[in-house]
Amino acid sequence: MSASRFRPSDIVFLDKDGTLIANVPYSVNCDLITLAPGAADALRTFAGAGLDVAVVSNQPGVAFGRFTEGALDAVRDRLAEMIAPFGVRLRAFYYCPHHPAGTVSRYAVECQCRKPQCGLLLRASAELDVDLARSWMVGDILDDVEAGRRAGCRTVLVNNGGETEWVQGPLRQPDVVARDLAAAARAIVGWSEPARSDALFTPNAERL
């Protein structure tokens, strides 16, 4: 059976830390925000294809009292400022402030927005009028993949060392494994729809 050309929706969902920007744990210091390897090329690819991005991020630092939700406003603004010169718009910045082991009681809860749950993507679909079946979720750990799969998105794992546990399951197999965000972007823009394999992903799988 031949593959069919697939046109993604006009938004690509990206994990923040370790995917779009370099991972600096629990930091909201805008001076420390730098693009991850391959991100600049990825943004150029997205711009060329007319794709904007939305960030979908777990931010448990709020639950652990490392920073407030308000501090994330400046992070959102900094991200939008950084990607704009590439011709890409940050359509939205969604984050989960919760963690069940948190120290701030208001946020120390089980929730449906913390990845691998898909609440943030469902919210994005409603607020941005996005067809999740035509959307991509890109992240550097399998929790990102599972969140995307739960929401009905196609998924990319950026296999750059962010995933360390490799806990697998039927919802944790990405459609694409890429070495960096640049390779992920090329795969998204050039995607033709194959039959999805039921084989579980392994860290030794072929990477773009």
C-alpha atoms as a PDB file:
ATOM      1  CA  MET A   1       0.000   0.000   0.000  1.00  0.00           C
ATOM      2  CA  SER A   2       1.464   3.357  -0.986  1.00  0.00           C
ATOM      3  CA  ALA A   3       1.812   6.125   1.582  1.00  0.00           C
ATOM      4  CA  SER A   4      -0.449   9.154   1.311  1.00  0.00           C
ATOM      5  CA  ARG A   5       0.692  12.757   1.657  1.00  0.00           C
ATOM      6  CA  PHE A   6      -0.249  14.196   4.997  1.00  0.00           C
ATOM      7  CA  ARG A   7      -0.832  17.892   5.679  1.00  0.00           C
ATOM      8  CA  PRO A   8      -0.365  18.783   9.355  1.00  0.00           C
ATOM      9  CA  SER A   9      -2.512  21.343  11.103  1.00  0.00           C
ATOM     10  CA  ASP A  10      -1.038  24.826  11.263  1.00  0.00           C
ATOM     11  CA  ILE A  11       0.370  24.287  14.775  1.00  0.00           C
ATOM     12  CA  VAL A  12       3.049  21.909  16.035  1.00  0.00           C
ATOM     13  CA  PHE A  13       3.005  21.202  19.771  1.00  0.00           C
ATOM     14  CA  LEU A  14       6.447  21.293  21.367  1.00  0.00           C
ATOM     15  CA  ASP A  15       7.696  20.340  24.787  1.00  0.00           C
ATOM     16  CA  LYS A  16       9.748  23.196  26.214  1.00  0.00           C
ATOM     17  CA  ASP A  17      12.748  22.029  28.263  1.00  0.00           C
ATOM     18  CA  GLY A  18      15.110  19.740  26.376  1.00  0.00           C
ATOM     19  CA  THR A  19      13.145  20.050  23.129  1.00  0.00           C
ATOM     20  CA  LEU A  20      12.686  23.694  22.125  1.00  0.00           C
ATOM     21  CA  ILE A  21      15.163  25.137  24.628  1.00  0.00           C
ATOM     22  CA  ALA A  22      18.126  23.799  26.548  1.00  0.00           C
ATOM     23  CA  ASN A  23      17.084  22.119  29.768  1.00  0.00           C
ATOM     24  CA  VAL A  24      17.944  24.150  32.865  1.00  0.00           C
ATOM     25  CA  PRO A  25      16.004  22.437  35.668  1.00  0.00           C
ATOM     26  CA  TYR A  26      13.522  24.544  37.617  1.00  0.00           C
ATOM     27  CA  SER A  27      14.731  27.790  36.062  1.00  0.00           C
ATOM     28  CA  VAL A  28      12.574  30.768  35.106  1.00  0.00           C
ATOM     29  CA  ASN A  29      15.584  33.014  34.553  1.00  0.00           C
ATOM     30  CA  CYS A  30      15.020  34.415  31.081  1.00  0.00           C
ATOM     31  CA  ASP A  31      18.735  35.155  30.739  1.00  0.00           C
ATOM     32  CA  LEU A  32      19.395  31.397  30.795  1.00  0.00           C
ATOM     33  CA  ILE A  33      16.911  30.516  28.052  1.00  0.00           C
ATOM     34  CA  THR A  34      18.696  29.348  24.911  1.00  0.00           C
ATOM     35  CA  LEU A  35      17.448  27.365  21.960  1.00  0.00           C
ATOM     36  CA  ALA A  36      18.162  23.639  22.014  1.00  0.00           C
ATOM     37  CA  PRO A  37      20.468  22.129  19.367  1.00  0.00           C
ATOM     38  CA  GLY A  38      18.657  21.997  16.056  1.00  0.00           C
ATOM     39  CA  ALA A  39      15.878  24.334  17.186  1.00  0.00           C
ATOM     40  CA  ALA A  40      16.901  27.249  14.958  1.00  0.00           C
ATOM     41  CA  ASP A  41      16.866  25.049  11.852  1.00  0.00           C
ATOM     42  CA  ALA A  42      13.566  23.527  12.973  1.00  0.00           C
ATOM     43  CA  LEU A  43      11.959  26.933  13.307  1.00  0.00           C
ATOM     44  CA  ARG A  44      13.102  27.853   9.806  1.00  0.00           C
ATOM     45  CA  THR A  45      11.576  24.635   8.500  1.00  0.00           C
ATOM     46  CA  PHE A  46       8.300  25.301  10.295  1.00  0.00           C
ATOM     47  CA  ALA A  47       8.214  28.857   8.968  1.00  0.00           C
ATOM     48  CA  GLY A  48       8.794  27.660   5.422  1.00  0.00           C
ATOM     49  CA  ALA A  49       5.833  25.321   5.751  1.00  0.00           C
ATOM     50  CA  GLY A  50       3.574  27.945   7.314  1.00  0.00           C
ATOM     51  CA  LEU A  51       3.513  26.239  10.705  1.00  0.00           C
ATOM     52  CA  ASP A  52       3.374  27.992  14.064  1.00  0.00           C
ATOM     53  CA  VAL A  53       4.141  26.350  17.404  1.00  0.00           C
ATOM     54  CA  ALA A  54       2.459  25.969  20.772  1.00  0.00           C
ATOM     55  CA  VAL A  55       4.413  24.944  23.847  1.00  0.00           C
ATOM     56  CA  VAL A  56       3.057  22.216  26.136  1.00  0.00           C
ATOM     57  CA  SER A  57       5.144  21.859  29.278  1.00  0.00           C
ATOM     58  CA  ASN A  58       5.168  20.288  32.736  1.00  0.00           C
ATOM     59  CA  GLN A  59       6.279  22.934  35.241  1.00  0.00           C
ATOM     60  CA  PRO A  60       6.409  21.131  38.618  1.00  0.00           C
ATOM     61  CA  GLY A  61       8.647  23.862  40.005  1.00  0.00           C
ATOM     62  CA  VAL A  62       5.421  25.654  40.903  1.00  0.00           C
ATOM     63  CA  ALA A  63       4.239  22.695  42.991  1.00  0.00           C
ATOM     64  CA  PHE A  64       7.630  22.452  44.692  1.00  0.00           C
ATOM     65  CA  GLY A  65       7.717  26.149  45.528  1.00  0.00           C
ATOM     66  CA  ARG A  66      10.688  26.913  43.268  1.00  0.00           C
ATOM     67  CA  PHE A  67       8.790  29.702  41.470  1.00  0.00           C
ATOM     68  CA  THR A  68       5.264  31.046  41.077  1.00  0.00           C
ATOM     69  CA  GLU A  69       2.887  30.652  38.168  1.00  0.00           C
ATOM     70  CA  GLY A  70       3.306  34.354  37.524  1.00  0.00           C
ATOM     71  CA  ALA A  71       6.991  33.858  36.785  1.00  0.00           C
ATOM     72  CA  LEU A  72       6.038  31.787  33.745  1.00  0.00           C
ATOM     73  CA  ASP A  73       4.511  34.813  32.046  1.00  0.00           C
ATOM     74  CA  ALA A  74       7.983  36.237  31.447  1.00  0.00           C
ATOM     75  CA  VAL A  75       9.170  32.850  30.167  1.00  0.00           C
ATOM     76  CA  ARG A  76       6.301  32.760  27.675  1.00  0.00           C
ATOM     77  CA  ASP A  77       7.123  36.265  26.482  1.00  0.00           C
ATOM     78  CA  ARG A  78      10.809  35.401  26.134  1.00  0.00           C
ATOM     79  CA  LEU A  79      10.032  32.300  24.080  1.00  0.00           C
ATOM     80  CA  ALA A  80       7.789  34.294  21.740  1.00  0.00           C
ATOM     81  CA  GLU A  81      10.512  36.920  21.360  1.00  0.00           C
ATOM     82  CA  MET A  82      13.175  34.298  20.592  1.00  0.00           C
ATOM     83  CA  ILE A  83      11.274  32.451  17.882  1.00  0.00           C
ATOM     84  CA  ALA A  84       9.710  35.446  16.139  1.00  0.00           C
ATOM     85  CA  PRO A  85      12.846  36.287  14.074  1.00  0.00           C
ATOM     86  CA  PHE A  86      12.543  32.859  12.443  1.00  0.00           C
ATOM     87  CA  GLY A  87       9.080  33.717  11.139  1.00  0.00           C
ATOM     88  CA  VAL A  88       7.282  31.471  13.606  1.00  0.00           C
ATOM     89  CA  ARG A  89       4.549  32.604  15.965  1.00  0.00           C
ATOM     90  CA  LEU A  90       4.107  31.191  19.456  1.00  0.00           C
ATOM     91  CA  ARG A  91       0.374  30.597  19.340  1.00  0.00           C
ATOM     92  CA  ALA A  92       0.062  29.530  22.973  1.00  0.00           C
ATOM     93  CA  PHE A  93       2.025  28.458  26.030  1.00  0.00           C
ATOM     94  CA  TYR A  94       0.323  25.742  28.066  1.00  0.00           C
ATOM     95  CA  TYR A  95       1.827  24.423  31.275  1.00  0.00           C
ATOM     96  CA  CYS A  96       0.943  22.113  34.144  1.00  0.00           C
ATOM     97  CA  PRO A  97       1.921  23.516  37.567  1.00  0.00           C
ATOM     98  CA  HIS A  98       1.034  20.343  39.483  1.00  0.00           C
ATOM     99  CA  HIS A  99       2.950  17.453  40.988  1.00  0.00           C
ATOM    100  CA  PRO A 100       1.449  14.912  43.412  1.00  0.00           C
ATOM    101  CA  ALA A 101       4.602  15.057  45.579  1.00  0.00           C
ATOM    102  CA  GLY A 102       4.717  18.849  45.617  1.00  0.00           C
ATOM    103  CA  THR A 103       5.188  20.941  48.747  1.00  0.00           C
ATOM    104  CA  VAL A 104       2.628  23.641  47.894  1.00  0.00           C
ATOM    105  CA  SER A 105      -0.701  22.095  48.833  1.00  0.00           C
ATOM    106  CA  ARG A 106      -2.699  23.916  46.171  1.00  0.00           C
ATOM    107  CA  TYR A 107      -0.619  22.259  43.450  1.00  0.00           C
ATOM    108  CA  ALA A 108       0.258  18.941  45.149  1.00  0.00           C
ATOM    109  CA  VAL A 109      -2.520  17.042  43.395  1.00  0.00           C
ATOM    110  CA  GLU A 110      -3.146  14.424  40.761  1.00  0.00           C
ATOM    111  CA  CYS A 111      -4.372  16.129  37.610  1.00  0.00           C
ATOM    112  CA  GLN A 112      -5.244  15.564  33.978  1.00  0.00           C
ATOM    113  CA  CYS A 113      -2.863  18.190  32.618  1.00  0.00           C
ATOM    114  CA  ARG A 114       0.494  16.781  33.710  1.00  0.00           C
ATOM    115  CA  LYS A 115       2.027  14.796  30.858  1.00  0.00           C
ATOM    116  CA  PRO A 116       1.695  11.863  30.143  1.00  0.00           C
ATOM    117  CA  GLN A 117      -1.951  12.898  30.598  1.00  0.00           C
ATOM    118  CA  CYS A 118      -3.315  14.837  27.661  1.00  0.00           C
ATOM    119  CA  GLY A 119      -5.341  17.585  29.318  1.00  0.00           C
ATOM    120  CA  LEU A 120      -3.177  20.414  27.991  1.00  0.00           C
ATOM    121  CA  LEU A 121      -3.557  19.184  24.425  1.00  0.00           C
ATOM    122  CA  LEU A 122      -7.317  18.829  24.792  1.00  0.00           C
ATOM    123  CA  ARG A 123      -7.456  22.367  26.141  1.00  0.00           C
ATOM    124  CA  ALA A 124      -5.388  23.585  23.205  1.00  0.00           C
ATOM    125  CA  SER A 125      -7.698  21.850  20.764  1.00  0.00           C
ATOM    126  CA  ALA A 126     -10.717  23.637  22.226  1.00  0.00           C
ATOM    127  CA  GLU A 127      -9.114  27.065  22.598  1.00  0.00           C
ATOM    128  CA  LEU A 128      -7.150  27.165  19.358  1.00  0.00           C
ATOM    129  CA  ASP A 129      -9.591  25.208  17.198  1.00  0.00           C
ATOM    130  CA  VAL A 130      -6.946  22.612  16.364  1.00  0.00           C
ATOM    131  CA  ASP A 131      -7.644  19.190  14.884  1.00  0.00           C
ATOM    132  CA  LEU A 132      -5.508  16.933  17.071  1.00  0.00           C
ATOM    133  CA  ALA A 133      -5.724  14.113  14.521  1.00  0.00           C
ATOM    134  CA  ARG A 134      -3.781  16.364  12.129  1.00  0.00           C
ATOM    135  CA  SER A 135      -1.383  17.635  14.799  1.00  0.00           C
ATOM    136  CA  TRP A 136       2.050  16.629  16.070  1.00  0.00           C
ATOM    137  CA  MET A 137       3.375  16.484  19.635  1.00  0.00           C
ATOM    138  CA  VAL A 138       7.168  16.650  19.865  1.00  0.00           C
ATOM    139  CA  GLY A 139       9.160  16.004  23.024  1.00  0.00           C
ATOM    140  CA  ASP A 140      12.344  14.526  24.422  1.00  0.00           C
ATOM    141  CA  ILE A 141      10.799  11.921  26.729  1.00  0.00           C
ATOM    142  CA  LEU A 142       8.212   9.187  26.333  1.00  0.00           C
ATOM    143  CA  ASP A 143       5.762  11.008  28.613  1.00  0.00           C
ATOM    144  CA  ASP A 144       5.493  13.571  25.799  1.00  0.00           C
ATOM    145  CA  VAL A 145       4.815  10.776  23.332  1.00  0.00           C
ATOM    146  CA  GLU A 146       2.158   9.232  25.556  1.00  0.00           C
ATOM    147  CA  ALA A 147       0.401  12.572  26.036  1.00  0.00           C
ATOM    148  CA  GLY A 148       0.324  13.053  22.283  1.00  0.00           C
ATOM    149  CA  ARG A 149      -0.924   9.558  21.615  1.00  0.00           C
ATOM    150  CA  ARG A 150      -3.660   9.911  24.250  1.00  0.00           C
ATOM    151  CA  ALA A 151      -4.831  13.084  22.503  1.00  0.00           C
ATOM    152  CA  GLY A 152      -4.788  11.435  19.083  1.00  0.00           C
ATOM    153  CA  CYS A 153      -1.756  13.326  17.753  1.00  0.00           C
ATOM    154  CA  ARG A 154       1.130  11.991  15.744  1.00  0.00           C
ATOM    155  CA  THR A 155       4.281  12.085  17.807  1.00  0.00           C
ATOM    156  CA  VAL A 156       8.034  12.602  17.577  1.00  0.00           C
ATOM    157  CA  LEU A 157      10.573  11.597  20.197  1.00  0.00           C
ATOM    158  CA  VAL A 158      13.659  13.788  20.066  1.00  0.00           C
ATOM    159  CA  ASN A 159      16.134  11.186  21.304  1.00  0.00           C
ATOM    160  CA  ASN A 160      18.791  13.527  22.668  1.00  0.00           C
ATOM    161  CA  GLY A 161      19.376  11.911  26.053  1.00  0.00           C
ATOM    162  CA  GLY A 162      16.379  13.382  27.853  1.00  0.00           C
ATOM    163  CA  GLU A 163      14.684  10.013  28.283  1.00  0.00           C
ATOM    164  CA  THR A 164      16.517   7.931  30.871  1.00  0.00           C
ATOM    165  CA  GLU A 165      13.935   5.413  32.121  1.00  0.00           C
ATOM    166  CA  TRP A 166      12.522   3.967  28.864  1.00  0.00           C
ATOM    167  CA  VAL A 167       9.296   2.795  30.485  1.00  0.00           C
ATOM    168  CA  GLN A 168       7.403   1.458  27.488  1.00  0.00           C
ATOM    169  CA  GLY A 169       3.783   0.728  26.782  1.00  0.00           C
ATOM    170  CA  PRO A 170       1.241   0.721  23.970  1.00  0.00           C
ATOM    171  CA  LEU A 171       0.894   4.531  24.042  1.00  0.00           C
ATOM    172  CA  ARG A 172       4.618   5.254  24.236  1.00  0.00           C
ATOM    173  CA  GLN A 173       5.668   4.375  20.686  1.00  0.00           C
ATOM    174  CA  PRO A 174       6.433   7.503  18.637  1.00  0.00           C
ATOM    175  CA  ASP A 175       5.707   7.799  14.953  1.00  0.00           C
ATOM    176  CA  VAL A 176       9.170   9.277  14.438  1.00  0.00           C
ATOM    177  CA  VAL A 177      12.433   9.169  16.392  1.00  0.00           C
ATOM    178  CA  ALA A 178      14.732  12.103  15.598  1.00  0.00           C
ATOM    179  CA  ARG A 179      18.165  13.051  16.817  1.00  0.00           C
ATOM    180  CA  ASP A 180      17.235  16.714  17.295  1.00  0.00           C
ATOM    181  CA  LEU A 181      14.426  19.172  16.671  1.00  0.00           C
ATOM    182  CA  ALA A 182      15.714  20.009  13.194  1.00  0.00           C
ATOM    183  CA  ALA A 183      15.307  16.386  12.107  1.00  0.00           C
ATOM    184  CA  ALA A 184      11.905  16.277  13.778  1.00  0.00           C
ATOM    185  CA  ALA A 185      10.756  19.324  11.818  1.00  0.00           C
ATOM    186  CA  ARG A 186      11.899  17.851   8.508  1.00  0.00           C
ATOM    187  CA  ALA A 187      10.031  14.644   9.273  1.00  0.00           C
ATOM    188  CA  ILE A 188       6.832  16.521  10.117  1.00  0.00           C
ATOM    189  CA  VAL A 189       6.895  18.683   7.007  1.00  0.00           C
ATOM    190  CA  GLY A 190       7.739  15.753   4.746  1.00  0.00           C
ATOM    191  CA  TRP A 191       5.459  13.195   6.386  1.00  0.00           C
ATOM    192  CA  SER A 192       3.564  10.671   4.291  1.00  0.00           C
ATOM    193  CA  GLU A 193       1.097   8.521   6.158  1.00  0.00           C
ATOM    194  CA  PRO A 194       2.204   4.898   6.635  1.00  0.00           C
ATOM    195  CA  ALA A 195       0.371   2.185   8.503  1.00  0.00           C
ATOM    196  CA  ARG A 196       1.221   2.613  12.178  1.00  0.00           C
ATOM    197  CA  SER A 197       3.183  -0.335  13.565  1.00  0.00           C
ATOM    198  CA  ASP A 198       2.057  -2.011  16.760  1.00  0.00           C
ATOM    199  CA  ALA A 199       5.660  -2.854  17.689  1.00  0.00           C
ATOM    200  CA  LEU A 200       6.878  -1.115  20.806  1.00  0.00           C
ATOM    201  CA  PHE A 201       9.622   1.480  20.430  1.00  0.00           C
ATOM    202  CA  THR A 202      13.061   0.608  21.712  1.00  0.00           C
ATOM    203  CA  PRO A 203      15.935   3.051  22.290  1.00  0.00           C
ATOM    204  CA  ASN A 204      17.922   1.233  19.595  1.00  0.00           C
ATOM    205  CA  ALA A 205      15.374   2.042  16.905  1.00  0.00           C
ATOM    206  CA  GLU A 206      16.605   3.778  13.774  1.00  0.00           C
ATOM    207  CA  ARG A 207      16.843   7.543  14.206  1.00  0.00           C
ATOM    208  CA  LEU A 208      16.565  10.348  11.668  1.00  0.00           C
END
